[in-house]
Amino acid sequence: MKSNVNEDVCYVQPRTLEQRLAIANDFTKRYNYPVPFGVDDMSNVVNDLYAAWPERLYIVDESGRIAYRGGMGPFKYNPKEVRDWLAAKYGEVKHPEAKPAEQKAEPAKSSK
């Protein structure tokens, strides 16, 4: 989309999964992003399944199931609740000195 090309956006709208993955991998390298994440396929099935509009936080467990579903934003959008849930399950996060992340984004998997 031509409207996506401006000073705030670095990429045109991706038309292929490979383009989406390239953008995601660029993000992880540019910001040393340490957390693995998935990239939706071009049909946006994961977006449709999780219905995260207008904004919502989810935690997906190791088996691919939803372990936490936050309230819809903006009034029930609560990042602190997510941090507390994760701390209870995995322990408090210590923020060591940032190191470059060596990871590649992978296509997201839906669990219908």
N, C-alpha and C. Protein backbone atom coordinates (compact mmCIF):
# COMPACT_ATOMS: atom_id res chain seq x y z
N MET A 1 0.84 -1.17 0.00
CA MET A 1 0.00 0.00 0.00
C MET A 1 0.88 1.24 0.00
N LYS A 2 0.62 2.13 -0.89
CA LYS A 2 1.41 3.34 -0.94
C LYS A 2 1.31 4.15 0.34
N SER A 3 0.15 4.12 1.01
CA SER A 3 -0.03 4.90 2.23
C SER A 3 0.86 4.41 3.37
N ASN A 4 1.38 3.16 3.29
CA ASN A 4 2.26 2.65 4.32
C ASN A 4 3.69 3.12 4.18
N VAL A 5 4.02 3.75 3.08
CA VAL A 5 5.39 4.19 2.86
C VAL A 5 5.49 5.66 3.26
N ASN A 6 6.02 5.90 4.44
CA ASN A 6 6.22 7.25 4.92
C ASN A 6 7.39 7.25 5.90
N GLU A 7 7.56 8.31 6.62
CA GLU A 7 8.70 8.42 7.53
C GLU A 7 8.64 7.44 8.69
N ASP A 8 7.46 7.01 9.10
CA ASP A 8 7.30 6.14 10.27
C ASP A 8 7.32 4.65 9.93
N VAL A 9 7.14 4.28 8.69
CA VAL A 9 7.04 2.88 8.30
C VAL A 9 8.19 2.56 7.35
N CYS A 10 8.88 1.47 7.66
CA CYS A 10 10.07 1.10 6.89
C CYS A 10 9.76 0.19 5.70
N TYR A 11 8.61 -0.43 5.66
CA TYR A 11 8.31 -1.46 4.68
C TYR A 11 6.98 -1.22 4.00
N VAL A 12 6.89 -1.68 2.77
CA VAL A 12 5.58 -1.72 2.12
C VAL A 12 4.84 -2.94 2.67
N GLN A 13 3.53 -2.97 2.49
CA GLN A 13 2.73 -4.09 2.98
C GLN A 13 3.23 -5.39 2.34
N PRO A 14 3.60 -6.39 3.16
CA PRO A 14 4.10 -7.65 2.58
C PRO A 14 2.99 -8.40 1.84
N ARG A 15 3.37 -9.03 0.74
CA ARG A 15 2.42 -9.80 -0.07
C ARG A 15 2.68 -11.31 0.01
N THR A 16 3.81 -11.68 0.62
CA THR A 16 4.14 -13.10 0.75
C THR A 16 4.59 -13.39 2.18
N LEU A 17 4.52 -14.66 2.57
CA LEU A 17 4.99 -15.07 3.89
C LEU A 17 6.49 -14.79 4.03
N GLU A 18 7.24 -15.01 2.96
CA GLU A 18 8.68 -14.75 3.00
C GLU A 18 8.96 -13.28 3.32
N GLN A 19 8.15 -12.37 2.77
CA GLN A 19 8.33 -10.95 3.06
C GLN A 19 7.98 -10.65 4.52
N ARG A 20 6.93 -11.27 5.03
CA ARG A 20 6.58 -11.08 6.45
C ARG A 20 7.69 -11.57 7.35
N LEU A 21 8.24 -12.74 7.04
CA LEU A 21 9.32 -13.30 7.85
C LEU A 21 10.56 -12.42 7.79
N ALA A 22 10.86 -11.87 6.63
CA ALA A 22 12.02 -10.97 6.50
C ALA A 22 11.85 -9.74 7.38
N ILE A 23 10.66 -9.19 7.42
CA ILE A 23 10.38 -8.02 8.27
C ILE A 23 10.53 -8.40 9.74
N ALA A 24 9.97 -9.55 10.12
CA ALA A 24 10.06 -10.00 11.51
C ALA A 24 11.50 -10.25 11.92
N ASN A 25 12.28 -10.86 11.04
CA ASN A 25 13.69 -11.12 11.36
C ASN A 25 14.48 -9.82 11.45
N ASP A 26 14.15 -8.86 10.61
CA ASP A 26 14.81 -7.56 10.70
C ASP A 26 14.49 -6.90 12.05
N PHE A 27 13.24 -7.00 12.48
CA PHE A 27 12.84 -6.45 13.78
C PHE A 27 13.65 -7.07 14.92
N THR A 28 13.75 -8.42 14.94
CA THR A 28 14.46 -9.08 16.04
C THR A 28 15.93 -8.69 16.07
N LYS A 29 16.53 -8.50 14.91
CA LYS A 29 17.94 -8.10 14.87
C LYS A 29 18.09 -6.63 15.26
N ARG A 30 17.25 -5.77 14.72
CA ARG A 30 17.36 -4.33 14.96
C ARG A 30 17.17 -3.98 16.43
N TYR A 31 16.23 -4.65 17.09
CA TYR A 31 15.91 -4.32 18.48
C TYR A 31 16.41 -5.36 19.48
N ASN A 32 17.26 -6.29 19.04
CA ASN A 32 17.77 -7.35 19.91
C ASN A 32 16.64 -7.99 20.70
N TYR A 33 15.56 -8.30 20.00
CA TYR A 33 14.34 -8.82 20.64
C TYR A 33 14.58 -10.24 21.11
N PRO A 34 14.53 -10.50 22.43
CA PRO A 34 14.92 -11.81 22.96
C PRO A 34 13.81 -12.85 23.03
N VAL A 35 12.55 -12.47 22.78
CA VAL A 35 11.42 -13.38 22.98
C VAL A 35 10.99 -13.99 21.65
N PRO A 36 10.89 -15.32 21.56
CA PRO A 36 10.40 -15.93 20.32
C PRO A 36 8.96 -15.52 20.05
N PHE A 37 8.61 -15.37 18.81
CA PHE A 37 7.23 -15.05 18.45
C PHE A 37 6.91 -15.65 17.10
N GLY A 38 5.63 -15.75 16.81
CA GLY A 38 5.19 -16.32 15.54
C GLY A 38 4.76 -15.22 14.59
N VAL A 39 4.74 -15.56 13.33
CA VAL A 39 4.29 -14.65 12.28
C VAL A 39 3.11 -15.32 11.58
N ASP A 40 2.00 -14.62 11.53
CA ASP A 40 0.79 -15.15 10.91
C ASP A 40 1.02 -15.40 9.42
N ASP A 41 0.34 -16.41 8.87
CA ASP A 41 0.44 -16.64 7.42
C ASP A 41 -0.39 -15.59 6.69
N MET A 42 -0.39 -15.64 5.38
CA MET A 42 -1.02 -14.58 4.60
C MET A 42 -2.55 -14.60 4.68
N SER A 43 -3.12 -15.69 5.18
CA SER A 43 -4.58 -15.71 5.34
C SER A 43 -5.01 -15.08 6.67
N ASN A 44 -4.03 -14.74 7.52
CA ASN A 44 -4.28 -14.11 8.83
C ASN A 44 -5.14 -14.97 9.74
N VAL A 45 -5.03 -16.28 9.65
CA VAL A 45 -5.86 -17.19 10.42
C VAL A 45 -5.64 -17.03 11.93
N VAL A 46 -4.41 -16.81 12.37
CA VAL A 46 -4.15 -16.66 13.80
C VAL A 46 -4.79 -15.37 14.30
N ASN A 47 -4.65 -14.31 13.55
CA ASN A 47 -5.31 -13.05 13.91
C ASN A 47 -6.82 -13.25 14.05
N ASP A 48 -7.40 -13.96 13.11
CA ASP A 48 -8.85 -14.20 13.15
C ASP A 48 -9.25 -15.08 14.34
N LEU A 49 -8.45 -16.10 14.66
CA LEU A 49 -8.77 -17.00 15.76
C LEU A 49 -8.67 -16.32 17.12
N TYR A 50 -7.65 -15.49 17.31
CA TYR A 50 -7.46 -14.86 18.61
C TYR A 50 -8.27 -13.59 18.77
N ALA A 51 -8.76 -13.03 17.71
CA ALA A 51 -9.62 -11.85 17.76
C ALA A 51 -9.08 -10.80 18.72
N ALA A 52 -7.86 -10.40 18.52
CA ALA A 52 -7.19 -9.47 19.43
C ALA A 52 -7.52 -8.01 19.13
N TRP A 53 -8.67 -7.75 18.59
CA TRP A 53 -9.06 -6.38 18.29
C TRP A 53 -9.97 -5.87 19.39
N PRO A 54 -9.91 -4.66 19.87
CA PRO A 54 -8.96 -3.64 19.42
C PRO A 54 -7.57 -3.87 19.97
N GLU A 55 -7.44 -4.44 21.14
CA GLU A 55 -6.16 -4.85 21.69
C GLU A 55 -6.43 -5.86 22.79
N ARG A 56 -5.62 -6.88 22.81
CA ARG A 56 -5.80 -7.94 23.80
C ARG A 56 -4.48 -8.67 23.96
N LEU A 57 -4.22 -9.14 25.14
CA LEU A 57 -2.99 -9.89 25.41
C LEU A 57 -3.32 -11.36 25.63
N TYR A 58 -2.53 -12.22 25.04
CA TYR A 58 -2.67 -13.67 25.20
C TYR A 58 -1.33 -14.24 25.61
N ILE A 59 -1.38 -15.34 26.36
CA ILE A 59 -0.20 -16.15 26.60
C ILE A 59 -0.53 -17.52 26.03
N VAL A 60 0.32 -17.99 25.13
CA VAL A 60 0.15 -19.30 24.51
C VAL A 60 1.20 -20.21 25.13
N ASP A 61 0.77 -21.34 25.69
CA ASP A 61 1.71 -22.22 26.38
C ASP A 61 2.53 -23.05 25.40
N GLU A 62 3.40 -23.87 25.96
CA GLU A 62 4.32 -24.66 25.16
C GLU A 62 3.62 -25.64 24.23
N SER A 63 2.40 -26.04 24.57
CA SER A 63 1.67 -26.98 23.72
C SER A 63 0.82 -26.26 22.68
N GLY A 64 0.88 -24.93 22.65
CA GLY A 64 0.13 -24.17 21.65
C GLY A 64 -1.27 -23.79 22.08
N ARG A 65 -1.60 -24.02 23.34
CA ARG A 65 -2.94 -23.68 23.85
C ARG A 65 -2.91 -22.34 24.56
N ILE A 66 -4.05 -21.67 24.56
CA ILE A 66 -4.16 -20.39 25.23
C ILE A 66 -4.18 -20.63 26.74
N ALA A 67 -3.17 -20.11 27.44
CA ALA A 67 -3.08 -20.27 28.89
C ALA A 67 -3.60 -19.03 29.61
N TYR A 68 -3.60 -17.89 28.94
CA TYR A 68 -4.10 -16.65 29.52
C TYR A 68 -4.74 -15.83 28.41
N ARG A 69 -5.92 -15.31 28.69
CA ARG A 69 -6.60 -14.43 27.74
C ARG A 69 -6.98 -13.16 28.48
N GLY A 70 -6.36 -12.06 28.10
CA GLY A 70 -6.63 -10.79 28.75
C GLY A 70 -7.94 -10.19 28.25
N GLY A 71 -8.39 -9.18 28.96
CA GLY A 71 -9.60 -8.47 28.57
C GLY A 71 -9.37 -7.56 27.38
N MET A 72 -10.46 -7.23 26.71
CA MET A 72 -10.35 -6.35 25.55
C MET A 72 -10.03 -4.93 25.98
N GLY A 73 -9.15 -4.29 25.21
CA GLY A 73 -8.78 -2.91 25.48
C GLY A 73 -9.80 -1.95 24.93
N PRO A 74 -9.66 -0.73 25.29
CA PRO A 74 -8.55 -0.20 26.09
C PRO A 74 -8.78 -0.31 27.59
N PHE A 75 -10.00 -0.57 28.06
CA PHE A 75 -10.28 -0.50 29.49
C PHE A 75 -9.90 -1.74 30.27
N LYS A 76 -9.84 -2.90 29.62
CA LYS A 76 -9.47 -4.14 30.31
C LYS A 76 -8.13 -4.68 29.82
N TYR A 77 -7.36 -3.84 29.16
CA TYR A 77 -6.02 -4.17 28.67
C TYR A 77 -5.06 -3.97 29.84
N ASN A 78 -4.43 -5.05 30.33
CA ASN A 78 -3.69 -4.95 31.57
C ASN A 78 -2.34 -5.68 31.48
N PRO A 79 -1.30 -5.02 30.96
CA PRO A 79 0.02 -5.65 30.86
C PRO A 79 0.58 -6.11 32.21
N LYS A 80 0.26 -5.38 33.30
CA LYS A 80 0.74 -5.79 34.62
C LYS A 80 0.19 -7.16 35.01
N GLU A 81 -1.06 -7.41 34.67
CA GLU A 81 -1.66 -8.72 34.95
C GLU A 81 -0.90 -9.83 34.22
N VAL A 82 -0.48 -9.56 33.00
CA VAL A 82 0.30 -10.54 32.23
C VAL A 82 1.66 -10.76 32.89
N ARG A 83 2.34 -9.67 33.27
CA ARG A 83 3.63 -9.80 33.95
C ARG A 83 3.49 -10.61 35.23
N ASP A 84 2.43 -10.33 36.00
CA ASP A 84 2.21 -11.07 37.24
C ASP A 84 1.95 -12.55 36.98
N TRP A 85 1.16 -12.86 35.95
CA TRP A 85 0.87 -14.24 35.59
C TRP A 85 2.16 -14.97 35.22
N LEU A 86 2.97 -14.32 34.36
CA LEU A 86 4.23 -14.93 33.94
C LEU A 86 5.19 -15.10 35.11
N ALA A 87 5.26 -14.11 36.01
CA ALA A 87 6.14 -14.21 37.17
C ALA A 87 5.71 -15.35 38.08
N ALA A 88 4.40 -15.53 38.25
CA ALA A 88 3.91 -16.63 39.09
C ALA A 88 4.27 -17.98 38.48
N LYS A 89 4.22 -18.08 37.18
CA LYS A 89 4.51 -19.35 36.49
C LYS A 89 6.01 -19.61 36.34
N TYR A 90 6.78 -18.56 35.99
CA TYR A 90 8.19 -18.76 35.63
C TYR A 90 9.18 -18.03 36.52
N GLY A 91 8.70 -17.21 37.44
CA GLY A 91 9.60 -16.44 38.29
C GLY A 91 9.78 -15.03 37.76
N GLU A 92 10.22 -14.16 38.65
CA GLU A 92 10.45 -12.76 38.27
C GLU A 92 11.54 -12.67 37.21
N VAL A 93 11.38 -11.73 36.33
CA VAL A 93 12.36 -11.51 35.26
C VAL A 93 13.48 -10.61 35.78
N LYS A 94 14.68 -11.05 35.61
CA LYS A 94 15.85 -10.22 35.89
C LYS A 94 16.27 -9.63 34.55
N HIS A 95 16.60 -8.39 34.53
CA HIS A 95 16.96 -7.72 33.28
C HIS A 95 18.47 -7.57 33.18
N PRO A 96 19.14 -8.61 32.68
CA PRO A 96 20.60 -8.51 32.52
C PRO A 96 20.93 -7.56 31.36
N GLU A 97 22.18 -7.28 31.24
CA GLU A 97 22.62 -6.43 30.14
C GLU A 97 22.21 -7.07 28.82
N ALA A 98 21.65 -6.27 27.93
CA ALA A 98 21.13 -6.79 26.66
C ALA A 98 22.25 -7.34 25.80
N LYS A 99 21.99 -8.49 25.20
CA LYS A 99 22.91 -9.12 24.26
C LYS A 99 22.15 -9.34 22.96
N PRO A 100 22.84 -9.30 21.83
CA PRO A 100 22.14 -9.52 20.56
C PRO A 100 21.47 -10.88 20.53
N ALA A 101 20.22 -10.90 20.08
CA ALA A 101 19.47 -12.15 19.96
C ALA A 101 19.77 -12.80 18.62
N GLU A 102 20.03 -14.06 18.65
CA GLU A 102 20.25 -14.82 17.43
C GLU A 102 19.07 -15.76 17.26
N GLN A 103 18.02 -15.28 16.61
CA GLN A 103 16.84 -16.11 16.39
C GLN A 103 16.21 -15.73 15.06
N LYS A 104 15.40 -16.61 14.57
CA LYS A 104 14.65 -16.33 13.35
C LYS A 104 13.18 -16.50 13.65
N ALA A 105 12.39 -15.59 13.10
CA ALA A 105 10.95 -15.70 13.27
C ALA A 105 10.45 -16.87 12.44
N GLU A 106 9.42 -17.54 12.94
CA GLU A 106 8.83 -18.66 12.24
C GLU A 106 7.34 -18.41 12.04
N PRO A 107 6.75 -19.03 11.03
CA PRO A 107 5.32 -18.86 10.83
C PRO A 107 4.54 -19.31 12.06
N ALA A 108 3.49 -18.58 12.40
CA ALA A 108 2.66 -18.95 13.55
C ALA A 108 1.85 -20.20 13.22
N LYS A 109 1.56 -20.97 14.25
CA LYS A 109 0.73 -22.17 14.08
C LYS A 109 -0.58 -21.96 14.81
N SER A 110 -1.65 -22.26 14.14
CA SER A 110 -2.96 -22.15 14.79
C SER A 110 -3.34 -23.49 15.38
N SER A 111 -4.09 -23.45 16.48
CA SER A 111 -4.59 -24.68 17.08
C SER A 111 -6.11 -24.58 17.12
N LYS A 112 -6.72 -24.96 16.01
CA LYS A 112 -8.19 -24.85 15.88
C LYS A 112 -8.90 -25.82 16.75
